[in-house]
Amino acid sequence: MLLIQILTVLFALFALTRVWSRFRKRVIGISEFFFWTAFWAAVCVLVAMPAATQWFAKILGVGRGADAVFYVTLVALCYGVFRLQLKIRTQQHEMSELVRKLAIAQAPKDQTK
């Protein structure tokens, strides 16, 4: 096993411990726990056995397994950034509405003087 594989597996195992810790402290829910556990377990398997990505590459019509993983990861990251941008925009809109309502509620009632 190459050094990069060992380091990546060790990091994935560390990340799994963090996921478990967050779940036990009820910071994340059960669905997030299962998603991240499956994700980091898949990272461990794919890094430890890179030949396992070959069948995935054949399904996608890509020459190498590493390329298939890279393409799928890039698309997933772009989609994640898009979703985050939408959530940030929604929060900014909600915050602006709340500030307006608070400003109106706290404004002096008689401003005609």
C-alpha atoms as a PDB file:
ATOM      1  CA  MET A   1       0.000   0.000   0.000  1.00  0.00           C
ATOM      2  CA  LEU A   2       1.302   3.436  -0.916  1.00  0.00           C
ATOM      3  CA  LEU A   3       1.846   6.196   1.618  1.00  0.00           C
ATOM      4  CA  ILE A   4      -0.968   8.296   0.120  1.00  0.00           C
ATOM      5  CA  GLN A   5      -3.364   5.367   0.499  1.00  0.00           C
ATOM      6  CA  ILE A   6      -2.384   4.881   4.134  1.00  0.00           C
ATOM      7  CA  LEU A   7      -2.777   8.581   4.906  1.00  0.00           C
ATOM      8  CA  THR A   8      -6.135   8.774   3.146  1.00  0.00           C
ATOM      9  CA  VAL A   9      -7.490   5.712   4.947  1.00  0.00           C
ATOM     10  CA  LEU A  10      -6.276   7.098   8.270  1.00  0.00           C
ATOM     11  CA  PHE A  11      -7.978  10.422   7.542  1.00  0.00           C
ATOM     12  CA  ALA A  12     -11.201   8.655   6.557  1.00  0.00           C
ATOM     13  CA  LEU A  13     -11.112   6.668   9.793  1.00  0.00           C
ATOM     14  CA  PHE A  14     -10.561   9.910  11.713  1.00  0.00           C
ATOM     15  CA  ALA A  15     -13.528  11.447   9.886  1.00  0.00           C
ATOM     16  CA  LEU A  16     -15.643   8.423  10.836  1.00  0.00           C
ATOM     17  CA  THR A  17     -14.811   8.979  14.499  1.00  0.00           C
ATOM     18  CA  ARG A  18     -15.881  12.615  14.148  1.00  0.00           C
ATOM     19  CA  VAL A  19     -19.157  11.568  12.504  1.00  0.00           C
ATOM     20  CA  TRP A  20     -19.803   9.113  15.331  1.00  0.00           C
ATOM     21  CA  SER A  21     -18.986  11.776  17.932  1.00  0.00           C
ATOM     22  CA  ARG A  22     -21.320  14.324  16.325  1.00  0.00           C
ATOM     23  CA  PHE A  23     -24.083  11.740  16.138  1.00  0.00           C
ATOM     24  CA  ARG A  24     -23.690  10.794  19.810  1.00  0.00           C
ATOM     25  CA  LYS A  25     -23.850  14.483  20.791  1.00  0.00           C
ATOM     26  CA  ARG A  26     -26.985  14.829  18.637  1.00  0.00           C
ATOM     27  CA  VAL A  27     -25.410  17.463  16.415  1.00  0.00           C
ATOM     28  CA  ILE A  28     -26.332  15.456  13.311  1.00  0.00           C
ATOM     29  CA  GLY A  29     -29.381  13.303  12.681  1.00  0.00           C
ATOM     30  CA  ILE A  30     -29.617   9.642  11.757  1.00  0.00           C
ATOM     31  CA  SER A  31     -29.844  10.292   8.011  1.00  0.00           C
ATOM     32  CA  GLU A  32     -26.715  12.470   8.053  1.00  0.00           C
ATOM     33  CA  PHE A  33     -24.977   9.861  10.192  1.00  0.00           C
ATOM     34  CA  PHE A  34     -25.720   7.102   7.676  1.00  0.00           C
ATOM     35  CA  PHE A  35     -24.788   9.278   4.695  1.00  0.00           C
ATOM     36  CA  TRP A  36     -21.404  10.319   6.094  1.00  0.00           C
ATOM     37  CA  THR A  37     -20.656   6.867   7.456  1.00  0.00           C
ATOM     38  CA  ALA A  38     -21.335   5.350   4.024  1.00  0.00           C
ATOM     39  CA  PHE A  39     -19.290   8.077   2.335  1.00  0.00           C
ATOM     40  CA  TRP A  40     -16.186   7.650   4.507  1.00  0.00           C
ATOM     41  CA  ALA A  41     -16.476   3.856   4.434  1.00  0.00           C
ATOM     42  CA  ALA A  42     -16.593   4.022   0.621  1.00  0.00           C
ATOM     43  CA  VAL A  43     -13.507   6.252   0.651  1.00  0.00           C
ATOM     44  CA  CYS A  44     -11.685   3.639   2.737  1.00  0.00           C
ATOM     45  CA  VAL A  45     -12.689   0.795   0.411  1.00  0.00           C
ATOM     46  CA  LEU A  46     -11.949   2.651  -2.825  1.00  0.00           C
ATOM     47  CA  VAL A  47      -8.571   3.912  -1.618  1.00  0.00           C
ATOM     48  CA  ALA A  48      -7.541   0.534  -0.218  1.00  0.00           C
ATOM     49  CA  MET A  49      -8.738  -1.308  -3.348  1.00  0.00           C
ATOM     50  CA  PRO A  50      -8.446   1.084  -6.308  1.00  0.00           C
ATOM     51  CA  ALA A  51      -9.197  -1.690  -8.794  1.00  0.00           C
ATOM     52  CA  ALA A  52     -12.775  -1.678  -7.477  1.00  0.00           C
ATOM     53  CA  THR A  53     -13.373   1.556  -9.364  1.00  0.00           C
ATOM     54  CA  GLN A  54     -12.757  -0.119 -12.732  1.00  0.00           C
ATOM     55  CA  TRP A  55     -16.261  -1.596 -12.961  1.00  0.00           C
ATOM     56  CA  PHE A  56     -17.661   1.843 -12.177  1.00  0.00           C
ATOM     57  CA  ALA A  57     -15.535   3.338 -14.941  1.00  0.00           C
ATOM     58  CA  LYS A  58     -16.799   0.757 -17.426  1.00  0.00           C
ATOM     59  CA  ILE A  59     -20.405   1.592 -16.565  1.00  0.00           C
ATOM     60  CA  LEU A  60     -19.734   5.301 -17.193  1.00  0.00           C
ATOM     61  CA  GLY A  61     -17.670   4.615 -20.292  1.00  0.00           C
ATOM     62  CA  VAL A  62     -14.495   6.115 -18.834  1.00  0.00           C
ATOM     63  CA  GLY A  63     -11.063   4.549 -19.317  1.00  0.00           C
ATOM     64  CA  ARG A  64      -9.774   4.627 -15.737  1.00  0.00           C
ATOM     65  CA  GLY A  65     -11.482   4.232 -12.389  1.00  0.00           C
ATOM     66  CA  ALA A  66      -9.714   7.262 -10.950  1.00  0.00           C
ATOM     67  CA  ASP A  67     -11.102   9.405 -13.769  1.00  0.00           C
ATOM     68  CA  ALA A  68     -14.639   8.165 -13.110  1.00  0.00           C
ATOM     69  CA  VAL A  69     -14.331   8.973  -9.408  1.00  0.00           C
ATOM     70  CA  PHE A  70     -12.903  12.403 -10.255  1.00  0.00           C
ATOM     71  CA  TYR A  71     -15.728  13.255 -12.671  1.00  0.00           C
ATOM     72  CA  VAL A  72     -18.472  12.147 -10.305  1.00  0.00           C
ATOM     73  CA  THR A  73     -16.838  13.990  -7.402  1.00  0.00           C
ATOM     74  CA  LEU A  74     -16.493  17.192  -9.430  1.00  0.00           C
ATOM     75  CA  VAL A  75     -20.151  17.124 -10.429  1.00  0.00           C
ATOM     76  CA  ALA A  76     -21.221  16.394  -6.833  1.00  0.00           C
ATOM     77  CA  LEU A  77     -19.100  19.262  -5.493  1.00  0.00           C
ATOM     78  CA  CYS A  78     -20.539  21.703  -8.024  1.00  0.00           C
ATOM     79  CA  TYR A  79     -24.055  20.632  -7.087  1.00  0.00           C
ATOM     80  CA  GLY A  80     -23.190  21.015  -3.396  1.00  0.00           C
ATOM     81  CA  VAL A  81     -21.921  24.567  -3.974  1.00  0.00           C
ATOM     82  CA  PHE A  82     -25.111  25.366  -5.881  1.00  0.00           C
ATOM     83  CA  ARG A  83     -27.276  24.079  -3.000  1.00  0.00           C
ATOM     84  CA  LEU A  84     -25.229  26.029  -0.452  1.00  0.00           C
ATOM     85  CA  GLN A  85     -25.593  29.201  -2.480  1.00  0.00           C
ATOM     86  CA  LEU A  86     -29.370  28.757  -2.557  1.00  0.00           C
ATOM     87  CA  LYS A  87     -29.490  28.210   1.205  1.00  0.00           C
ATOM     88  CA  ILE A  88     -27.329  31.276   1.860  1.00  0.00           C
ATOM     89  CA  ARG A  89     -29.511  33.398  -0.400  1.00  0.00           C
ATOM     90  CA  THR A  90     -32.660  32.184   1.377  1.00  0.00           C
ATOM     91  CA  GLN A  91     -31.151  32.944   4.791  1.00  0.00           C
ATOM     92  CA  GLN A  92     -30.105  36.420   3.669  1.00  0.00           C
ATOM     93  CA  HIS A  93     -33.634  37.113   2.444  1.00  0.00           C
ATOM     94  CA  GLU A  94     -35.163  35.840   5.702  1.00  0.00           C
ATOM     95  CA  MET A  95     -32.699  37.905   7.739  1.00  0.00           C
ATOM     96  CA  SER A  96     -33.531  41.054   5.764  1.00  0.00           C
ATOM     97  CA  GLU A  97     -37.243  40.476   6.326  1.00  0.00           C
ATOM     98  CA  LEU A  98     -36.686  39.978  10.054  1.00  0.00           C
ATOM     99  CA  VAL A  99     -34.560  43.132  10.351  1.00  0.00           C
ATOM    100  CA  ARG A 100     -37.237  45.140   8.536  1.00  0.00           C
ATOM    101  CA  LYS A 101     -39.970  43.835  10.833  1.00  0.00           C
ATOM    102  CA  LEU A 102     -37.897  44.555  13.937  1.00  0.00           C
ATOM    103  CA  ALA A 103     -37.040  48.047  12.711  1.00  0.00           C
ATOM    104  CA  ILE A 104     -40.697  48.810  12.075  1.00  0.00           C
ATOM    105  CA  ALA A 105     -41.726  47.376  15.437  1.00  0.00           C
ATOM    106  CA  GLN A 106     -39.098  49.386  17.333  1.00  0.00           C
ATOM    107  CA  ALA A 107     -39.522  52.640  15.429  1.00  0.00           C
ATOM    108  CA  PRO A 108     -40.994  55.558  17.340  1.00  0.00           C
ATOM    109  CA  LYS A 109     -44.755  55.559  16.879  1.00  0.00           C
ATOM    110  CA  ASP A 110     -45.226  59.299  16.418  1.00  0.00           C
ATOM    111  CA  GLN A 111     -42.773  60.685  13.858  1.00  0.00           C
ATOM    112  CA  THR A 112     -44.925  63.627  12.704  1.00  0.00           C
ATOM    113  CA  LYS A 113     -43.405  66.133  15.175  1.00  0.00           C
END
